């Protein structure tokens, strides 16, 4: 999955960008839980990583 697709899905579910880290962005879900999204430019995210990010964001 491309990072841009992942971010689009996160925004559709009410997640918001919180702040930048060194190699990751920090996001917050509607319930207030914080999670990170890696910034790997030009690379597809592995399926297991996208699924883990969705789980942390509260998206099924």
PDB file of N, CA and C in Angstrom:
ATOM      1  N   UNK A   1       0.845  -1.174   0.000  1.00  0.00           N
ATOM      2  CA  UNK A   1       0.000   0.000   0.000  1.00  0.00           C
ATOM      3  C   UNK A   1       0.890   1.237   0.000  1.00  0.00           C
ATOM      4  N   UNK A   2       0.552   2.178  -0.814  1.00  0.00           N
ATOM      5  CA  UNK A   2       1.283   3.439  -0.847  1.00  0.00           C
ATOM      6  C   UNK A   2       0.955   4.261   0.403  1.00  0.00           C
ATOM      7  N   UNK A   3       1.920   5.041   0.836  1.00  0.00           N
ATOM      8  CA  UNK A   3       1.744   5.870   2.024  1.00  0.00           C
ATOM      9  C   UNK A   3       0.609   6.867   1.836  1.00  0.00           C
ATOM     10  N   UNK A   4       0.488   7.421   0.635  1.00  0.00           N
ATOM     11  CA  UNK A   4      -0.567   8.394   0.364  1.00  0.00           C
ATOM     12  C   UNK A   4      -1.953   7.771   0.515  1.00  0.00           C
ATOM     13  N   UNK A   5      -2.103   6.507   0.102  1.00  0.00           N
ATOM     14  CA  UNK A   5      -3.379   5.806   0.262  1.00  0.00           C
ATOM     15  C   UNK A   5      -3.691   5.596   1.741  1.00  0.00           C
ATOM     16  N   UNK A   6      -2.669   5.225   2.505  1.00  0.00           N
ATOM     17  CA  UNK A   6      -2.839   5.009   3.937  1.00  0.00           C
ATOM     18  C   UNK A   6      -3.285   6.293   4.623  1.00  0.00           C
ATOM     19  N   UNK A   7      -2.640   7.407   4.296  1.00  0.00           N
ATOM     20  CA  UNK A   7      -2.993   8.690   4.912  1.00  0.00           C
ATOM     21  C   UNK A   7      -4.418   9.109   4.545  1.00  0.00           C
ATOM     22  N   UNK A   8      -4.816   8.841   3.316  1.00  0.00           N
ATOM     23  CA  UNK A   8      -6.169   9.167   2.873  1.00  0.00           C
ATOM     24  C   UNK A   8      -7.198   8.401   3.705  1.00  0.00           C
ATOM     25  N   UNK A   9      -6.947   7.112   3.943  1.00  0.00           N
ATOM     26  CA  UNK A   9      -7.861   6.290   4.735  1.00  0.00           C
ATOM     27  C   UNK A   9      -7.896   6.788   6.181  1.00  0.00           C
ATOM     28  N   UNK A  10      -6.736   7.145   6.733  1.00  0.00           N
ATOM     29  CA  UNK A  10      -6.697   7.655   8.104  1.00  0.00           C
ATOM     30  C   UNK A  10      -7.542   8.923   8.234  1.00  0.00           C
ATOM     31  N   UNK A  11      -7.394   9.839   7.277  1.00  0.00           N
ATOM     32  CA  UNK A  11      -8.171  11.091   7.321  1.00  0.00           C
ATOM     33  C   UNK A  11      -9.666  10.829   7.180  1.00  0.00           C
ATOM     34  N   UNK A  12     -10.043   9.867   6.342  1.00  0.00           N
ATOM     35  CA  UNK A  12     -11.457   9.535   6.162  1.00  0.00           C
ATOM     36  C   UNK A  12     -12.089   9.021   7.452  1.00  0.00           C
ATOM     37  N   UNK A  13     -11.269   8.426   8.318  1.00  0.00           N
ATOM     38  CA  UNK A  13     -11.765   7.893   9.577  1.00  0.00           C
ATOM     39  C   UNK A  13     -11.565   8.858  10.744  1.00  0.00           C
ATOM     40  N   UNK A  14     -11.246  10.100  10.449  1.00  0.00           N
ATOM     41  CA  UNK A  14     -11.173  11.138  11.476  1.00  0.00           C
ATOM     42  C   UNK A  14      -9.841  11.293  12.171  1.00  0.00           C
ATOM     43  N   UNK A  15      -8.808  10.601  11.717  1.00  0.00           N
ATOM     44  CA  UNK A  15      -7.484  10.748  12.319  1.00  0.00           C
ATOM     45  C   UNK A  15      -6.854  12.044  11.816  1.00  0.00           C
ATOM     46  N   UNK A  16      -6.027  12.634  12.675  1.00  0.00           N
ATOM     47  CA  UNK A  16      -5.406  13.907  12.322  1.00  0.00           C
ATOM     48  C   UNK A  16      -3.907  13.863  12.570  1.00  0.00           C
ATOM     49  N   UNK A  17      -3.169  14.570  11.722  1.00  0.00           N
ATOM     50  CA  UNK A  17      -1.732  14.735  11.901  1.00  0.00           C
ATOM     51  C   UNK A  17      -1.509  15.503  13.189  1.00  0.00           C
ATOM     52  N   UNK A  18      -0.534  15.042  13.990  1.00  0.00           N
ATOM     53  CA  UNK A  18      -0.266  15.709  15.264  1.00  0.00           C
ATOM     54  C   UNK A  18       1.053  16.468  15.203  1.00  0.00           C
ATOM     55  N   UNK A  19       2.163  15.761  14.908  1.00  0.00           N
ATOM     56  CA  UNK A  19       3.454  16.443  14.784  1.00  0.00           C
ATOM     57  C   UNK A  19       4.460  15.537  14.087  1.00  0.00           C
ATOM     58  N   UNK A  20       5.586  16.135  13.684  1.00  0.00           N
ATOM     59  CA  UNK A  20       6.652  15.394  13.007  1.00  0.00           C
ATOM     60  C   UNK A  20       7.641  14.821  13.999  1.00  0.00           C
ATOM     61  N   UNK A  21       8.116  13.627  13.695  1.00  0.00           N
ATOM     62  CA  UNK A  21       9.243  13.038  14.395  1.00  0.00           C
ATOM     63  C   UNK A  21      10.414  13.030  13.432  1.00  0.00           C
ATOM     64  N   UNK A  22      11.487  12.351  13.764  1.00  0.00           N
ATOM     65  CA  UNK A  22      12.639  12.360  12.865  1.00  0.00           C
ATOM     66  C   UNK A  22      12.390  11.532  11.605  1.00  0.00           C
ATOM     67  N   UNK A  23      11.879  10.311  11.748  1.00  0.00           N
ATOM     68  CA  UNK A  23      11.606   9.462  10.589  1.00  0.00           C
ATOM     69  C   UNK A  23      10.140   9.066  10.488  1.00  0.00           C
ATOM     70  N   UNK A  24       9.334   9.566  11.399  1.00  0.00           N
ATOM     71  CA  UNK A  24       7.918   9.204  11.443  1.00  0.00           C
ATOM     72  C   UNK A  24       7.075  10.453  11.677  1.00  0.00           C
ATOM     73  N   UNK A  25       5.821  10.368  11.301  1.00  0.00           N
ATOM     74  CA  UNK A  25       4.855  11.401  11.661  1.00  0.00           C
ATOM     75  C   UNK A  25       4.015  10.859  12.801  1.00  0.00           C
ATOM     76  N   UNK A  26       3.637  11.714  13.693  1.00  0.00           N
ATOM     77  CA  UNK A  26       2.785  11.301  14.797  1.00  0.00           C
ATOM     78  C   UNK A  26       1.366  11.765  14.505  1.00  0.00           C
ATOM     79  N   UNK A  27       0.430  10.846  14.651  1.00  0.00           N
ATOM     80  CA  UNK A  27      -0.984  11.092  14.365  1.00  0.00           C
ATOM     81  C   UNK A  27      -1.793  10.811  15.609  1.00  0.00           C
ATOM     82  N   UNK A  28      -3.027  11.292  15.615  1.00  0.00           N
ATOM     83  CA  UNK A  28      -3.933  11.064  16.733  1.00  0.00           C
ATOM     84  C   UNK A  28      -5.283  10.629  16.168  1.00  0.00           C
ATOM     85  N   UNK A  29      -5.882   9.598  16.777  1.00  0.00           N
ATOM     86  CA  UNK A  29      -7.181   9.129  16.292  1.00  0.00           C
ATOM     87  C   UNK A  29      -8.305   9.885  17.008  1.00  0.00           C
ATOM     88  N   UNK A  30      -9.561   9.735  16.587  1.00  0.00           N
ATOM     89  CA  UNK A  30     -10.658  10.491  17.196  1.00  0.00           C
ATOM     90  C   UNK A  30     -10.826  10.233  18.699  1.00  0.00           C
ATOM     91  N   UNK A  31     -10.382   9.078  19.185  1.00  0.00           N
ATOM     92  CA  UNK A  31     -10.489   8.757  20.610  1.00  0.00           C
ATOM     93  C   UNK A  31      -9.339   9.368  21.416  1.00  0.00           C
ATOM     94  N   UNK A  32      -8.372   9.976  20.731  1.00  0.00           N
ATOM     95  CA  UNK A  32      -7.257  10.631  21.407  1.00  0.00           C
ATOM     96  C   UNK A  32      -6.001   9.790  21.527  1.00  0.00           C
ATOM     97  N   UNK A  33      -5.984   8.587  20.955  1.00  0.00           N
ATOM     98  CA  UNK A  33      -4.801   7.732  21.006  1.00  0.00           C
ATOM     99  C   UNK A  33      -3.800   8.168  19.944  1.00  0.00           C
ATOM    100  N   UNK A  34      -2.541   8.258  20.343  1.00  0.00           N
ATOM    101  CA  UNK A  34      -1.485   8.673  19.425  1.00  0.00           C
ATOM    102  C   UNK A  34      -0.799   7.453  18.833  1.00  0.00           C
ATOM    103  N   UNK A  35      -0.395   7.566  17.577  1.00  0.00           N
ATOM    104  CA  UNK A  35       0.316   6.497  16.886  1.00  0.00           C
ATOM    105  C   UNK A  35       1.220   7.113  15.837  1.00  0.00           C
ATOM    106  N   UNK A  36       2.163   6.320  15.330  1.00  0.00           N
ATOM    107  CA  UNK A  36       3.123   6.843  14.356  1.00  0.00           C
ATOM    108  C   UNK A  36       2.912   6.227  12.975  1.00  0.00           C
ATOM    109  N   UNK A  37       3.282   7.005  11.965  1.00  0.00           N
ATOM    110  CA  UNK A  37       3.244   6.563  10.574  1.00  0.00           C
ATOM    111  C   UNK A  37       4.625   6.857   9.987  1.00  0.00           C
ATOM    112  N   UNK A  38       5.317   5.817   9.480  1.00  0.00           N
ATOM    113  CA  UNK A  38       6.661   6.033   8.944  1.00  0.00           C
ATOM    114  C   UNK A  38       6.657   6.871   7.670  1.00  0.00           C
ATOM    115  N   UNK A  39       7.752   7.577   7.460  1.00  0.00           N
ATOM    116  CA  UNK A  39       7.938   8.370   6.249  1.00  0.00           C
ATOM    117  C   UNK A  39       8.969   7.681   5.370  1.00  0.00           C
ATOM    118  N   UNK A  40       8.562   6.664   4.645  1.00  0.00           N
ATOM    119  CA  UNK A  40       9.448   5.940   3.743  1.00  0.00           C
ATOM    120  C   UNK A  40       9.086   6.360   2.329  1.00  0.00           C
ATOM    121  N   UNK A  41       9.698   7.404   1.864  1.00  0.00           N
ATOM    122  CA  UNK A  41       9.328   7.975   0.574  1.00  0.00           C
ATOM    123  C   UNK A  41       9.607   7.013  -0.572  1.00  0.00           C
ATOM    124  N   UNK A  42       8.650   6.894  -1.466  1.00  0.00           N
ATOM    125  CA  UNK A  42       8.810   6.104  -2.666  1.00  0.00           C
ATOM    126  C   UNK A  42       8.683   4.605  -2.476  1.00  0.00           C
ATOM    127  N   UNK A  43       8.421   4.160  -1.260  1.00  0.00           N
ATOM    128  CA  UNK A  43       8.314   2.724  -1.021  1.00  0.00           C
ATOM    129  C   UNK A  43       6.888   2.384  -0.605  1.00  0.00           C
ATOM    130  N   UNK A  44       6.441   1.206  -0.999  1.00  0.00           N
ATOM    131  CA  UNK A  44       5.157   0.718  -0.509  1.00  0.00           C
ATOM    132  C   UNK A  44       5.345   0.233   0.925  1.00  0.00           C
ATOM    133  N   UNK A  45       4.320   0.470   1.745  1.00  0.00           N
ATOM    134  CA  UNK A  45       4.361  -0.043   3.108  1.00  0.00           C
ATOM    135  C   UNK A  45       3.975  -1.516   3.086  1.00  0.00           C
ATOM    136  N   UNK A  46       4.662  -2.347   3.842  1.00  0.00           N
ATOM    137  CA  UNK A  46       4.282  -3.755   3.911  1.00  0.00           C
ATOM    138  C   UNK A  46       2.865  -3.894   4.479  1.00  0.00           C
ATOM    139  N   UNK A  47       2.169  -4.941   4.053  1.00  0.00           N
ATOM    140  CA  UNK A  47       0.786  -5.158   4.470  1.00  0.00           C
ATOM    141  C   UNK A  47       0.668  -5.236   5.989  1.00  0.00           C
ATOM    142  N   UNK A  48       1.601  -5.942   6.643  1.00  0.00           N
ATOM    143  CA  UNK A  48       1.525  -6.084   8.096  1.00  0.00           C
ATOM    144  C   UNK A  48       1.662  -4.743   8.807  1.00  0.00           C
ATOM    145  N   UNK A  49       2.459  -3.832   8.252  1.00  0.00           N
ATOM    146  CA  UNK A  49       2.648  -2.524   8.858  1.00  0.00           C
ATOM    147  C   UNK A  49       1.391  -1.667   8.704  1.00  0.00           C
ATOM    148  N   UNK A  50       0.785  -1.692   7.520  1.00  0.00           N
ATOM    149  CA  UNK A  50      -0.454  -0.944   7.305  1.00  0.00           C
ATOM    150  C   UNK A  50      -1.554  -1.465   8.228  1.00  0.00           C
ATOM    151  N   UNK A  51      -1.651  -2.780   8.368  1.00  0.00           N
ATOM    152  CA  UNK A  51      -2.665  -3.364   9.251  1.00  0.00           C
ATOM    153  C   UNK A  51      -2.432  -2.962  10.707  1.00  0.00           C
ATOM    154  N   UNK A  52      -1.174  -2.911  11.126  1.00  0.00           N
ATOM    155  CA  UNK A  52      -0.857  -2.510  12.488  1.00  0.00           C
ATOM    156  C   UNK A  52      -1.212  -1.040  12.730  1.00  0.00           C
ATOM    157  N   UNK A  53      -0.937  -0.191  11.754  1.00  0.00           N
ATOM    158  CA  UNK A  53      -1.273   1.227  11.877  1.00  0.00           C
ATOM    159  C   UNK A  53      -2.783   1.397  11.971  1.00  0.00           C
ATOM    160  N   UNK A  54      -3.542   0.668  11.139  1.00  0.00           N
ATOM    161  CA  UNK A  54      -4.991   0.741  11.212  1.00  0.00           C
ATOM    162  C   UNK A  54      -5.495   0.268  12.564  1.00  0.00           C
ATOM    163  N   UNK A  55      -4.898  -0.772  13.101  1.00  0.00           N
ATOM    164  CA  UNK A  55      -5.303  -1.290  14.415  1.00  0.00           C
ATOM    165  C   UNK A  55      -5.059  -0.239  15.497  1.00  0.00           C
ATOM    166  N   UNK A  56      -3.903   0.407  15.455  1.00  0.00           N
ATOM    167  CA  UNK A  56      -3.583   1.457  16.429  1.00  0.00           C
ATOM    168  C   UNK A  56      -4.520   2.646  16.301  1.00  0.00           C
ATOM    169  N   UNK A  57      -4.955   2.918  15.065  1.00  0.00           N
ATOM    170  CA  UNK A  57      -5.841   4.047  14.811  1.00  0.00           C
ATOM    171  C   UNK A  57      -7.298   3.714  15.144  1.00  0.00           C
ATOM    172  N   UNK A  58      -7.584   2.436  15.410  1.00  0.00           N
ATOM    173  CA  UNK A  58      -8.957   2.034  15.720  1.00  0.00           C
ATOM    174  C   UNK A  58      -9.792   1.799  14.490  1.00  0.00           C
ATOM    175  N   UNK A  59      -9.152   1.494  13.357  1.00  0.00           N
ATOM    176  CA  UNK A  59      -9.861   1.236  12.096  1.00  0.00           C
ATOM    177  C   UNK A  59      -9.833  -0.260  11.841  1.00  0.00           C
ATOM    178  N   UNK A  60     -10.997  -0.828  11.602  1.00  0.00           N
ATOM    179  CA  UNK A  60     -11.083  -2.274  11.348  1.00  0.00           C
ATOM    180  C   UNK A  60     -11.106  -2.573   9.877  1.00  0.00           C
TER     181      UNK A  60
END
